[in-house]
């Protein structure tokens, strides 16, 4: 994870103008079935938060971009479910991974609108539940209320750990360069691991 964060920060330092777009696209990809599993979204967002803490990019700007991406990603998944419905049962990706659909259907059936909001925080469910909500005809007003509300909470929770780690590192051991330094990067990685661990624990409790 430290290597991913280091590479992401190096890219951000070289391309600060593209950081908002990166925050948007990474957040959107988290809600796309299987795509989110291929993109290391959490480490990248933590790195973006770290870059904001250093001052390379606007913290409020990247948070807003991440919120927008999260809303659009879930909205796209919802539209796919609403548009294609039963055809998804025999098409990609659920035909090859029926367990994903069963898990998402069970979670949505149990929690409904609350499930749409909380699934965003649960790996394995975040990209499936919006599709299921569309397939089962959830009203758009209810879906987007849960979608937007959860995105407003989700984005800062993924970006601020990187910012906090940099600020703490600068407070305890002021950075001598514009980079992260040898102290800040491990701290960011530790906060990221704690975040991922908390998400996995929440997933187990929610699915239980």
N, C-alpha and C. Protein backbone atom coordinates (compact mmCIF):
# COMPACT_ATOMS: atom_id res chain seq x y z
N UNK A 1 0.82 -1.21 0.00
CA UNK A 1 0.00 0.00 0.00
C UNK A 1 0.86 1.26 0.00
N UNK A 2 1.99 1.22 0.76
CA UNK A 2 2.88 2.37 0.80
C UNK A 2 3.40 2.70 -0.59
N UNK A 3 3.74 1.67 -1.38
CA UNK A 3 4.24 1.89 -2.73
C UNK A 3 3.20 2.55 -3.61
N UNK A 4 1.93 2.12 -3.49
CA UNK A 4 0.87 2.72 -4.28
C UNK A 4 0.71 4.19 -3.92
N UNK A 5 0.73 4.49 -2.61
CA UNK A 5 0.59 5.87 -2.17
C UNK A 5 1.75 6.71 -2.68
N UNK A 6 2.97 6.17 -2.59
CA UNK A 6 4.15 6.90 -3.04
C UNK A 6 4.07 7.22 -4.53
N UNK A 7 3.66 6.25 -5.33
CA UNK A 7 3.54 6.47 -6.77
C UNK A 7 2.45 7.49 -7.08
N UNK A 8 1.33 7.39 -6.34
CA UNK A 8 0.23 8.33 -6.57
C UNK A 8 0.64 9.75 -6.22
N UNK A 9 1.34 9.91 -5.09
CA UNK A 9 1.79 11.24 -4.69
C UNK A 9 2.78 11.80 -5.71
N UNK A 10 3.70 10.97 -6.20
CA UNK A 10 4.65 11.44 -7.21
C UNK A 10 3.93 11.91 -8.47
N UNK A 11 2.89 11.16 -8.88
CA UNK A 11 2.12 11.56 -10.06
C UNK A 11 1.39 12.87 -9.81
N UNK A 12 0.81 13.02 -8.61
CA UNK A 12 0.07 14.24 -8.28
C UNK A 12 1.02 15.45 -8.27
N UNK A 13 2.21 15.27 -7.69
CA UNK A 13 3.17 16.36 -7.66
C UNK A 13 3.57 16.80 -9.06
N UNK A 14 3.59 15.84 -10.00
CA UNK A 14 3.95 16.16 -11.38
C UNK A 14 2.77 16.68 -12.19
N UNK A 15 1.55 16.35 -11.76
CA UNK A 15 0.34 16.72 -12.53
C UNK A 15 -0.73 17.29 -11.61
N UNK A 16 -0.45 18.36 -10.89
CA UNK A 16 -1.44 18.88 -9.93
C UNK A 16 -2.75 19.30 -10.58
N UNK A 17 -2.68 19.78 -11.83
CA UNK A 17 -3.90 20.24 -12.49
C UNK A 17 -4.87 19.10 -12.79
N UNK A 18 -4.35 17.87 -12.83
CA UNK A 18 -5.20 16.72 -13.15
C UNK A 18 -5.71 16.02 -11.89
N UNK A 19 -5.35 16.51 -10.73
CA UNK A 19 -5.71 15.81 -9.49
C UNK A 19 -7.21 15.77 -9.27
N UNK A 20 -7.89 16.86 -9.57
CA UNK A 20 -9.35 16.87 -9.40
C UNK A 20 -10.00 15.82 -10.29
N UNK A 21 -9.52 15.72 -11.54
CA UNK A 21 -10.07 14.70 -12.44
C UNK A 21 -9.78 13.30 -11.91
N UNK A 22 -8.58 13.11 -11.35
CA UNK A 22 -8.24 11.81 -10.78
C UNK A 22 -9.14 11.47 -9.61
N UNK A 23 -9.41 12.43 -8.73
CA UNK A 23 -10.30 12.20 -7.59
C UNK A 23 -11.70 11.83 -8.07
N UNK A 24 -12.17 12.50 -9.12
CA UNK A 24 -13.50 12.22 -9.67
C UNK A 24 -13.55 10.82 -10.26
N UNK A 25 -12.59 10.48 -11.11
CA UNK A 25 -12.61 9.20 -11.80
C UNK A 25 -12.40 8.02 -10.86
N UNK A 26 -11.48 8.17 -9.91
CA UNK A 26 -11.26 7.08 -8.95
C UNK A 26 -12.50 6.85 -8.10
N UNK A 27 -13.13 7.92 -7.65
CA UNK A 27 -14.34 7.78 -6.83
C UNK A 27 -15.47 7.15 -7.63
N UNK A 28 -15.59 7.53 -8.91
CA UNK A 28 -16.63 6.94 -9.75
C UNK A 28 -16.37 5.47 -9.99
N UNK A 29 -15.11 5.10 -10.17
CA UNK A 29 -14.77 3.70 -10.47
C UNK A 29 -15.09 2.78 -9.31
N UNK A 30 -15.09 3.31 -8.09
CA UNK A 30 -15.39 2.50 -6.91
C UNK A 30 -16.79 1.90 -6.98
N UNK A 31 -17.69 2.54 -7.73
CA UNK A 31 -19.08 2.10 -7.79
C UNK A 31 -19.38 1.24 -9.01
N UNK A 32 -18.39 0.96 -9.85
CA UNK A 32 -18.60 0.16 -11.06
C UNK A 32 -18.22 -1.28 -10.76
N UNK A 33 -19.11 -2.20 -11.11
CA UNK A 33 -18.90 -3.62 -10.81
C UNK A 33 -17.56 -4.09 -11.38
N UNK A 34 -16.75 -4.71 -10.55
CA UNK A 34 -15.44 -5.29 -10.87
C UNK A 34 -14.36 -4.24 -11.14
N UNK A 35 -14.72 -3.08 -11.67
CA UNK A 35 -13.71 -2.05 -11.92
C UNK A 35 -13.10 -1.59 -10.61
N UNK A 36 -13.96 -1.40 -9.60
CA UNK A 36 -13.47 -0.96 -8.30
C UNK A 36 -12.48 -1.92 -7.68
N UNK A 37 -12.62 -3.21 -8.01
CA UNK A 37 -11.68 -4.20 -7.48
C UNK A 37 -10.32 -4.11 -8.15
N UNK A 38 -10.26 -3.54 -9.35
CA UNK A 38 -9.01 -3.43 -10.09
C UNK A 38 -8.27 -2.12 -9.80
N UNK A 39 -9.00 -1.10 -9.38
CA UNK A 39 -8.41 0.21 -9.12
C UNK A 39 -8.21 0.38 -7.61
N UNK A 40 -6.97 0.62 -7.15
CA UNK A 40 -6.72 0.81 -5.72
C UNK A 40 -7.23 2.17 -5.25
N UNK A 41 -8.54 2.30 -5.19
CA UNK A 41 -9.16 3.60 -4.94
C UNK A 41 -8.77 4.23 -3.62
N UNK A 42 -8.84 3.46 -2.53
CA UNK A 42 -8.56 4.04 -1.21
C UNK A 42 -7.15 4.59 -1.10
N UNK A 43 -6.10 3.83 -1.49
CA UNK A 43 -4.75 4.41 -1.41
C UNK A 43 -4.58 5.66 -2.26
N UNK A 44 -5.19 5.69 -3.43
CA UNK A 44 -5.05 6.86 -4.30
C UNK A 44 -5.72 8.07 -3.66
N UNK A 45 -6.91 7.88 -3.09
CA UNK A 45 -7.59 9.00 -2.44
C UNK A 45 -6.84 9.47 -1.21
N UNK A 46 -6.23 8.55 -0.48
CA UNK A 46 -5.41 8.94 0.66
C UNK A 46 -4.22 9.77 0.17
N UNK A 47 -3.61 9.37 -0.93
CA UNK A 47 -2.49 10.12 -1.50
C UNK A 47 -2.93 11.51 -1.95
N UNK A 48 -4.12 11.60 -2.52
CA UNK A 48 -4.65 12.90 -2.92
C UNK A 48 -4.84 13.78 -1.69
N UNK A 49 -5.33 13.20 -0.60
CA UNK A 49 -5.45 13.96 0.64
C UNK A 49 -4.11 14.42 1.15
N UNK A 50 -3.09 13.56 1.02
CA UNK A 50 -1.74 13.93 1.44
C UNK A 50 -1.22 15.10 0.60
N UNK A 51 -1.46 15.04 -0.70
CA UNK A 51 -1.03 16.14 -1.58
C UNK A 51 -1.72 17.44 -1.20
N UNK A 52 -2.99 17.34 -0.79
CA UNK A 52 -3.70 18.54 -0.34
C UNK A 52 -3.09 19.07 0.96
N UNK A 53 -2.68 18.16 1.84
CA UNK A 53 -2.06 18.59 3.09
C UNK A 53 -0.75 19.30 2.85
N UNK A 54 0.01 18.88 1.84
CA UNK A 54 1.27 19.53 1.50
C UNK A 54 1.02 20.89 0.86
N UNK A 55 -0.12 21.01 0.19
CA UNK A 55 -0.45 22.27 -0.46
C UNK A 55 -0.39 22.22 -1.96
N UNK A 56 -0.24 21.03 -2.52
CA UNK A 56 -0.18 20.90 -3.98
C UNK A 56 -1.53 21.16 -4.63
N UNK A 57 -2.61 20.78 -3.96
CA UNK A 57 -3.96 20.93 -4.52
C UNK A 57 -4.90 21.45 -3.43
N UNK A 58 -6.05 21.91 -3.85
CA UNK A 58 -7.06 22.40 -2.91
C UNK A 58 -7.78 21.24 -2.25
N UNK A 59 -7.79 21.22 -0.92
CA UNK A 59 -8.47 20.15 -0.21
C UNK A 59 -9.97 20.16 -0.49
N UNK A 60 -10.59 21.32 -0.41
CA UNK A 60 -12.03 21.39 -0.66
C UNK A 60 -12.34 21.00 -2.10
N UNK A 61 -11.45 21.36 -3.02
CA UNK A 61 -11.68 21.02 -4.43
C UNK A 61 -11.68 19.53 -4.69
N UNK A 62 -10.69 18.83 -4.12
CA UNK A 62 -10.62 17.39 -4.37
C UNK A 62 -11.74 16.65 -3.63
N UNK A 63 -12.16 17.16 -2.48
CA UNK A 63 -13.28 16.52 -1.79
C UNK A 63 -14.55 16.67 -2.61
N UNK A 64 -14.79 17.85 -3.15
CA UNK A 64 -15.97 18.08 -3.99
C UNK A 64 -15.91 17.19 -5.23
N UNK A 65 -14.71 17.06 -5.82
CA UNK A 65 -14.56 16.21 -7.00
C UNK A 65 -14.84 14.75 -6.65
N UNK A 66 -14.36 14.31 -5.49
CA UNK A 66 -14.60 12.93 -5.07
C UNK A 66 -16.08 12.69 -4.79
N UNK A 67 -16.74 13.66 -4.18
CA UNK A 67 -18.18 13.53 -3.95
C UNK A 67 -18.92 13.40 -5.28
N UNK A 68 -18.57 14.27 -6.22
CA UNK A 68 -19.21 14.21 -7.54
C UNK A 68 -18.98 12.89 -8.23
N UNK A 69 -17.75 12.38 -8.16
CA UNK A 69 -17.46 11.09 -8.78
C UNK A 69 -18.23 9.96 -8.15
N UNK A 70 -18.32 9.98 -6.81
CA UNK A 70 -19.06 8.93 -6.11
C UNK A 70 -20.53 8.94 -6.49
N UNK A 71 -21.12 10.13 -6.59
CA UNK A 71 -22.53 10.25 -6.97
C UNK A 71 -22.75 9.76 -8.40
N UNK A 72 -21.87 10.16 -9.30
CA UNK A 72 -22.00 9.76 -10.71
C UNK A 72 -21.79 8.25 -10.86
N UNK A 73 -20.80 7.69 -10.16
CA UNK A 73 -20.55 6.26 -10.26
C UNK A 73 -21.72 5.43 -9.79
N UNK A 74 -22.28 5.77 -8.64
CA UNK A 74 -23.46 5.04 -8.16
C UNK A 74 -24.65 5.27 -9.07
N UNK A 75 -24.77 6.50 -9.57
CA UNK A 75 -25.89 6.80 -10.47
C UNK A 75 -25.80 6.00 -11.75
N UNK A 76 -24.59 5.82 -12.28
CA UNK A 76 -24.42 5.01 -13.50
C UNK A 76 -24.78 3.56 -13.24
N UNK A 77 -24.33 3.03 -12.10
CA UNK A 77 -24.65 1.64 -11.77
C UNK A 77 -26.16 1.47 -11.60
N UNK A 78 -26.81 2.44 -10.95
CA UNK A 78 -28.27 2.40 -10.79
C UNK A 78 -28.97 2.42 -12.15
N UNK A 79 -28.49 3.28 -13.06
CA UNK A 79 -29.11 3.36 -14.39
C UNK A 79 -28.94 2.05 -15.14
N UNK A 80 -27.76 1.44 -15.04
CA UNK A 80 -27.52 0.15 -15.70
C UNK A 80 -28.51 -0.89 -15.18
N UNK A 81 -28.68 -0.95 -13.87
CA UNK A 81 -29.64 -1.90 -13.30
C UNK A 81 -31.05 -1.63 -13.74
N UNK A 82 -31.44 -0.34 -13.78
CA UNK A 82 -32.80 0.03 -14.19
C UNK A 82 -33.02 -0.22 -15.68
N UNK A 83 -31.99 0.01 -16.47
CA UNK A 83 -32.13 -0.09 -17.93
C UNK A 83 -32.15 -1.54 -18.41
N UNK A 84 -31.30 -2.38 -17.84
CA UNK A 84 -31.13 -3.72 -18.38
C UNK A 84 -31.78 -4.82 -17.54
N UNK A 85 -32.01 -4.58 -16.28
CA UNK A 85 -32.76 -5.47 -15.40
C UNK A 85 -32.43 -6.94 -15.59
N UNK A 86 -33.41 -7.72 -16.08
CA UNK A 86 -33.25 -9.18 -16.14
C UNK A 86 -32.11 -9.61 -17.06
N UNK A 87 -31.76 -8.77 -18.03
CA UNK A 87 -30.68 -9.14 -18.93
C UNK A 87 -29.34 -9.24 -18.20
N UNK A 88 -29.23 -8.56 -17.09
CA UNK A 88 -27.99 -8.63 -16.32
C UNK A 88 -27.80 -10.00 -15.68
N UNK A 89 -28.90 -10.73 -15.50
CA UNK A 89 -28.81 -12.05 -14.87
C UNK A 89 -28.06 -13.05 -15.76
N UNK A 90 -28.12 -12.82 -17.06
CA UNK A 90 -27.47 -13.76 -17.99
C UNK A 90 -26.31 -13.11 -18.73
N UNK A 91 -25.95 -11.90 -18.32
CA UNK A 91 -24.85 -11.20 -18.97
C UNK A 91 -23.72 -10.90 -18.01
N UNK A 92 -22.70 -10.25 -18.54
CA UNK A 92 -21.54 -9.87 -17.73
C UNK A 92 -21.93 -8.79 -16.73
N UNK A 93 -21.45 -8.80 -15.50
CA UNK A 93 -20.54 -9.81 -14.94
C UNK A 93 -21.24 -10.88 -14.09
N UNK A 94 -22.57 -10.73 -13.92
CA UNK A 94 -23.26 -11.59 -12.96
C UNK A 94 -23.41 -13.02 -13.44
N UNK A 95 -23.40 -13.25 -14.76
CA UNK A 95 -23.50 -14.62 -15.25
C UNK A 95 -22.29 -15.45 -14.79
N UNK A 96 -21.15 -14.81 -14.71
CA UNK A 96 -19.94 -15.52 -14.28
C UNK A 96 -19.71 -15.41 -12.78
N UNK A 97 -20.33 -14.44 -12.15
CA UNK A 97 -20.17 -14.24 -10.71
C UNK A 97 -21.55 -14.09 -10.05
N UNK A 98 -22.35 -15.13 -10.06
CA UNK A 98 -23.71 -15.02 -9.50
C UNK A 98 -23.71 -14.72 -8.01
N UNK A 99 -22.64 -15.07 -7.33
CA UNK A 99 -22.57 -14.79 -5.89
C UNK A 99 -22.63 -13.31 -5.59
N UNK A 100 -22.06 -12.48 -6.48
CA UNK A 100 -22.11 -11.03 -6.29
C UNK A 100 -23.56 -10.54 -6.26
N UNK A 101 -24.35 -11.02 -7.21
CA UNK A 101 -25.74 -10.59 -7.30
C UNK A 101 -26.54 -11.09 -6.11
N UNK A 102 -26.31 -12.33 -5.68
CA UNK A 102 -27.04 -12.86 -4.52
C UNK A 102 -26.72 -12.05 -3.27
N UNK A 103 -25.46 -11.74 -3.09
CA UNK A 103 -25.05 -10.98 -1.92
C UNK A 103 -25.67 -9.58 -1.94
N UNK A 104 -25.61 -8.92 -3.09
CA UNK A 104 -26.17 -7.58 -3.21
C UNK A 104 -27.68 -7.58 -3.04
N UNK A 105 -28.35 -8.58 -3.60
CA UNK A 105 -29.81 -8.66 -3.48
C UNK A 105 -30.23 -8.89 -2.03
N UNK A 106 -29.52 -9.77 -1.33
CA UNK A 106 -29.84 -10.04 0.07
C UNK A 106 -29.64 -8.79 0.92
N UNK A 107 -28.56 -8.07 0.66
CA UNK A 107 -28.27 -6.87 1.44
C UNK A 107 -29.31 -5.78 1.17
N UNK A 108 -29.64 -5.58 -0.11
CA UNK A 108 -30.63 -4.56 -0.45
C UNK A 108 -32.00 -4.94 0.08
N UNK A 109 -32.36 -6.23 -0.02
CA UNK A 109 -33.65 -6.67 0.50
C UNK A 109 -33.77 -6.48 1.99
N UNK A 110 -32.67 -6.59 2.70
CA UNK A 110 -32.70 -6.45 4.16
C UNK A 110 -32.72 -4.99 4.60
N UNK A 111 -31.93 -4.12 3.89
CA UNK A 111 -31.73 -2.76 4.39
C UNK A 111 -32.39 -1.69 3.53
N UNK A 112 -32.74 -1.98 2.29
CA UNK A 112 -33.42 -1.01 1.44
C UNK A 112 -32.62 0.26 1.22
N UNK A 113 -33.25 1.41 1.46
CA UNK A 113 -32.60 2.71 1.23
C UNK A 113 -31.36 2.86 2.10
N UNK A 114 -31.43 2.40 3.34
CA UNK A 114 -30.26 2.46 4.21
C UNK A 114 -29.12 1.61 3.65
N UNK A 115 -29.48 0.50 3.01
CA UNK A 115 -28.46 -0.35 2.39
C UNK A 115 -27.74 0.35 1.26
N UNK A 116 -28.45 1.16 0.47
CA UNK A 116 -27.82 1.91 -0.62
C UNK A 116 -26.79 2.88 -0.04
N UNK A 117 -27.14 3.51 1.08
CA UNK A 117 -26.23 4.48 1.69
C UNK A 117 -25.01 3.80 2.31
N UNK A 118 -25.21 2.69 2.99
CA UNK A 118 -24.11 2.06 3.72
C UNK A 118 -23.25 1.18 2.82
N UNK A 119 -23.80 0.68 1.72
CA UNK A 119 -23.04 -0.21 0.84
C UNK A 119 -21.81 0.48 0.27
N UNK A 120 -21.87 1.78 0.12
CA UNK A 120 -20.72 2.53 -0.41
C UNK A 120 -19.46 2.32 0.42
N UNK A 121 -19.64 2.04 1.69
CA UNK A 121 -18.51 1.89 2.60
C UNK A 121 -18.04 0.44 2.72
N UNK A 122 -18.71 -0.47 2.00
CA UNK A 122 -18.44 -1.89 2.17
C UNK A 122 -17.87 -2.50 0.88
N UNK A 123 -16.58 -2.84 0.87
CA UNK A 123 -16.00 -3.48 -0.32
C UNK A 123 -16.76 -4.74 -0.70
N UNK A 124 -16.98 -4.92 -1.98
CA UNK A 124 -17.72 -6.08 -2.45
C UNK A 124 -19.20 -5.81 -2.64
N UNK A 125 -19.73 -4.86 -1.88
CA UNK A 125 -21.14 -4.51 -2.00
C UNK A 125 -21.35 -3.16 -2.66
N UNK A 126 -20.37 -2.27 -2.54
CA UNK A 126 -20.57 -0.89 -2.99
C UNK A 126 -20.87 -0.80 -4.49
N UNK A 127 -20.34 -1.75 -5.28
CA UNK A 127 -20.56 -1.69 -6.72
C UNK A 127 -21.72 -2.54 -7.18
N UNK A 128 -22.33 -3.29 -6.26
CA UNK A 128 -23.41 -4.20 -6.63
C UNK A 128 -24.77 -3.65 -6.20
N UNK A 129 -24.85 -3.10 -5.00
CA UNK A 129 -26.14 -2.66 -4.46
C UNK A 129 -26.81 -1.60 -5.33
N UNK A 130 -26.09 -0.59 -5.86
CA UNK A 130 -26.78 0.36 -6.76
C UNK A 130 -27.38 -0.31 -7.98
N UNK A 131 -26.69 -1.30 -8.55
CA UNK A 131 -27.24 -2.04 -9.69
C UNK A 131 -28.52 -2.76 -9.27
N UNK A 132 -28.47 -3.43 -8.12
CA UNK A 132 -29.63 -4.16 -7.62
C UNK A 132 -30.79 -3.20 -7.37
N UNK A 133 -30.50 -2.02 -6.81
CA UNK A 133 -31.56 -1.03 -6.56
C UNK A 133 -32.25 -0.65 -7.86
N UNK A 134 -31.49 -0.49 -8.93
CA UNK A 134 -32.09 -0.19 -10.22
C UNK A 134 -32.89 -1.36 -10.77
N UNK A 135 -32.37 -2.57 -10.61
CA UNK A 135 -33.05 -3.75 -11.12
C UNK A 135 -34.40 -3.96 -10.43
N UNK A 136 -34.46 -3.63 -9.14
CA UNK A 136 -35.69 -3.85 -8.38
C UNK A 136 -36.61 -2.62 -8.37
N UNK A 137 -36.29 -1.62 -9.18
CA UNK A 137 -37.20 -0.50 -9.37
C UNK A 137 -37.27 0.47 -8.21
N UNK A 138 -36.19 0.66 -7.48
CA UNK A 138 -36.18 1.66 -6.41
C UNK A 138 -36.42 3.04 -7.00
N UNK A 139 -37.25 3.82 -6.33
CA UNK A 139 -37.59 5.15 -6.84
C UNK A 139 -36.33 6.02 -6.93
N UNK A 140 -36.17 6.76 -8.03
CA UNK A 140 -34.98 7.61 -8.18
C UNK A 140 -34.79 8.60 -7.04
N UNK A 141 -35.88 9.19 -6.54
CA UNK A 141 -35.74 10.17 -5.46
C UNK A 141 -35.13 9.52 -4.22
N UNK A 142 -35.60 8.32 -3.88
CA UNK A 142 -35.05 7.63 -2.71
C UNK A 142 -33.60 7.22 -2.95
N UNK A 143 -33.33 6.73 -4.16
CA UNK A 143 -31.96 6.30 -4.46
C UNK A 143 -30.99 7.47 -4.37
N UNK A 144 -31.32 8.58 -5.01
CA UNK A 144 -30.37 9.69 -5.04
C UNK A 144 -30.26 10.39 -3.68
N UNK A 145 -31.29 10.31 -2.87
CA UNK A 145 -31.17 10.84 -1.51
C UNK A 145 -30.11 10.05 -0.75
N UNK A 146 -30.15 8.72 -0.86
CA UNK A 146 -29.15 7.88 -0.21
C UNK A 146 -27.79 8.03 -0.87
N UNK A 147 -27.79 8.14 -2.18
CA UNK A 147 -26.55 8.25 -2.94
C UNK A 147 -25.78 9.52 -2.57
N UNK A 148 -26.43 10.65 -2.64
CA UNK A 148 -25.76 11.92 -2.38
C UNK A 148 -25.34 12.04 -0.92
N UNK A 149 -26.25 11.65 -0.01
CA UNK A 149 -25.93 11.76 1.41
C UNK A 149 -24.71 10.92 1.78
N UNK A 150 -24.67 9.70 1.30
CA UNK A 150 -23.53 8.83 1.63
C UNK A 150 -22.25 9.32 0.98
N UNK A 151 -22.33 9.88 -0.23
CA UNK A 151 -21.14 10.39 -0.91
C UNK A 151 -20.52 11.56 -0.14
N UNK A 152 -21.37 12.39 0.45
CA UNK A 152 -20.88 13.53 1.22
C UNK A 152 -20.08 13.07 2.44
N UNK A 153 -20.44 11.93 2.98
CA UNK A 153 -19.70 11.38 4.13
C UNK A 153 -18.49 10.58 3.65
N UNK A 154 -18.68 9.79 2.61
CA UNK A 154 -17.65 8.87 2.13
C UNK A 154 -16.39 9.58 1.65
N UNK A 155 -16.54 10.62 0.87
CA UNK A 155 -15.37 11.28 0.26
C UNK A 155 -14.40 11.84 1.31
N UNK A 156 -14.86 12.63 2.28
CA UNK A 156 -13.91 13.12 3.28
C UNK A 156 -13.26 12.00 4.09
N UNK A 157 -13.99 10.92 4.36
CA UNK A 157 -13.42 9.82 5.13
C UNK A 157 -12.26 9.14 4.40
N UNK A 158 -12.23 9.25 3.09
CA UNK A 158 -11.15 8.62 2.32
C UNK A 158 -10.02 9.59 1.99
N UNK A 159 -10.29 10.87 1.97
CA UNK A 159 -9.28 11.85 1.62
C UNK A 159 -8.59 12.44 2.84
N UNK A 160 -9.34 12.71 3.90
CA UNK A 160 -8.78 13.39 5.07
C UNK A 160 -7.70 12.61 5.82
N UNK A 161 -7.73 11.26 5.86
CA UNK A 161 -6.63 10.57 6.54
C UNK A 161 -5.25 10.95 6.00
N UNK A 162 -5.13 11.10 4.69
CA UNK A 162 -3.85 11.51 4.11
C UNK A 162 -3.47 12.92 4.52
N UNK A 163 -4.46 13.81 4.55
CA UNK A 163 -4.21 15.19 4.95
C UNK A 163 -3.79 15.26 6.41
N UNK A 164 -4.50 14.54 7.27
CA UNK A 164 -4.19 14.54 8.70
C UNK A 164 -2.80 13.98 8.95
N UNK A 165 -2.43 12.91 8.24
CA UNK A 165 -1.11 12.31 8.43
C UNK A 165 0.00 13.28 8.10
N UNK A 166 -0.17 14.03 7.00
CA UNK A 166 0.85 15.01 6.61
C UNK A 166 0.93 16.14 7.63
N UNK A 167 -0.21 16.63 8.08
CA UNK A 167 -0.21 17.73 9.05
C UNK A 167 0.41 17.31 10.38
N UNK A 168 0.12 16.08 10.81
CA UNK A 168 0.72 15.58 12.04
C UNK A 168 2.23 15.40 11.88
N UNK A 169 2.63 14.88 10.72
CA UNK A 169 4.05 14.70 10.47
C UNK A 169 4.78 16.04 10.47
N UNK A 170 4.16 17.05 9.88
CA UNK A 170 4.77 18.37 9.83
C UNK A 170 4.83 18.99 11.22
N UNK A 171 3.85 18.67 12.05
CA UNK A 171 3.83 19.20 13.42
C UNK A 171 4.89 18.54 14.28
N UNK A 172 5.01 17.23 14.16
CA UNK A 172 5.94 16.49 15.01
C UNK A 172 7.37 16.53 14.48
N UNK A 173 7.50 16.53 13.15
CA UNK A 173 8.82 16.54 12.52
C UNK A 173 8.71 17.34 11.24
N UNK A 174 8.84 18.66 11.32
CA UNK A 174 8.60 19.51 10.14
C UNK A 174 9.35 19.02 8.92
N UNK A 175 8.62 18.98 7.81
CA UNK A 175 9.21 18.50 6.56
C UNK A 175 10.17 19.53 6.00
N UNK A 176 11.33 19.07 5.54
CA UNK A 176 12.34 19.96 5.00
C UNK A 176 12.20 20.15 3.51
N UNK A 177 11.34 19.36 2.88
CA UNK A 177 11.14 19.45 1.44
C UNK A 177 9.67 19.58 1.15
N UNK A 178 9.35 19.70 -0.14
CA UNK A 178 7.95 19.75 -0.54
C UNK A 178 7.34 18.37 -0.67
N UNK A 179 8.16 17.32 -0.48
CA UNK A 179 7.65 15.96 -0.59
C UNK A 179 7.12 15.47 0.74
N UNK A 180 6.84 14.17 0.81
CA UNK A 180 6.26 13.61 2.02
C UNK A 180 7.30 13.29 3.08
N UNK A 181 8.54 13.03 2.69
CA UNK A 181 9.54 12.72 3.69
C UNK A 181 9.43 11.28 4.17
N UNK A 182 10.43 10.84 4.90
CA UNK A 182 10.47 9.46 5.37
C UNK A 182 9.52 9.21 6.53
N UNK A 183 9.10 10.27 7.20
CA UNK A 183 8.23 10.08 8.36
C UNK A 183 6.76 10.07 7.97
N UNK A 184 6.38 10.98 7.08
CA UNK A 184 4.96 11.13 6.75
C UNK A 184 4.40 9.94 6.01
N UNK A 185 5.15 9.40 5.05
CA UNK A 185 4.62 8.33 4.21
C UNK A 185 4.21 7.10 5.00
N UNK A 186 5.02 6.59 5.94
CA UNK A 186 4.55 5.47 6.75
C UNK A 186 3.31 5.81 7.56
N UNK A 187 3.23 7.05 8.05
CA UNK A 187 2.05 7.44 8.81
C UNK A 187 0.80 7.42 7.96
N UNK A 188 0.92 7.88 6.72
CA UNK A 188 -0.22 7.83 5.80
C UNK A 188 -0.63 6.39 5.54
N UNK A 189 0.36 5.54 5.33
CA UNK A 189 0.06 4.12 5.07
C UNK A 189 -0.64 3.48 6.26
N UNK A 190 -0.19 3.81 7.47
CA UNK A 190 -0.82 3.24 8.67
C UNK A 190 -2.28 3.69 8.77
N UNK A 191 -2.52 4.98 8.55
CA UNK A 191 -3.89 5.47 8.59
C UNK A 191 -4.75 4.81 7.52
N UNK A 192 -4.16 4.59 6.35
CA UNK A 192 -4.90 3.92 5.29
C UNK A 192 -5.25 2.49 5.65
N UNK A 193 -4.31 1.78 6.25
CA UNK A 193 -4.58 0.40 6.66
C UNK A 193 -5.65 0.35 7.73
N UNK A 194 -5.63 1.32 8.67
CA UNK A 194 -6.67 1.37 9.69
C UNK A 194 -8.04 1.61 9.05
N UNK A 195 -8.07 2.48 8.04
CA UNK A 195 -9.32 2.75 7.33
C UNK A 195 -9.84 1.50 6.65
N UNK A 196 -8.96 0.79 5.94
CA UNK A 196 -9.37 -0.43 5.25
C UNK A 196 -9.83 -1.49 6.24
N UNK A 197 -9.13 -1.61 7.37
CA UNK A 197 -9.53 -2.58 8.39
C UNK A 197 -10.89 -2.27 8.96
N UNK A 198 -11.15 -0.98 9.22
CA UNK A 198 -12.46 -0.59 9.75
C UNK A 198 -13.57 -0.90 8.75
N UNK A 199 -13.29 -0.68 7.46
CA UNK A 199 -14.30 -0.97 6.44
C UNK A 199 -14.60 -2.46 6.37
N UNK A 200 -13.57 -3.31 6.48
CA UNK A 200 -13.80 -4.75 6.43
C UNK A 200 -14.60 -5.21 7.64
N UNK A 201 -14.29 -4.65 8.81
CA UNK A 201 -15.03 -5.01 10.02
C UNK A 201 -16.49 -4.61 9.89
N UNK A 202 -16.75 -3.43 9.36
CA UNK A 202 -18.12 -2.95 9.17
C UNK A 202 -18.85 -3.85 8.18
N UNK A 203 -18.14 -4.28 7.15
CA UNK A 203 -18.77 -5.16 6.16
C UNK A 203 -19.21 -6.47 6.81
N UNK A 204 -18.35 -7.06 7.64
CA UNK A 204 -18.72 -8.31 8.29
C UNK A 204 -19.92 -8.15 9.19
N UNK A 205 -19.95 -7.06 9.93
CA UNK A 205 -21.07 -6.83 10.85
C UNK A 205 -22.37 -6.56 10.08
N UNK A 206 -22.27 -5.79 8.99
CA UNK A 206 -23.47 -5.50 8.21
C UNK A 206 -24.04 -6.73 7.51
N UNK A 207 -23.14 -7.61 7.07
CA UNK A 207 -23.59 -8.81 6.35
C UNK A 207 -24.04 -9.91 7.31
N UNK A 208 -23.72 -9.77 8.60
CA UNK A 208 -24.04 -10.82 9.56
C UNK A 208 -25.48 -10.83 10.00
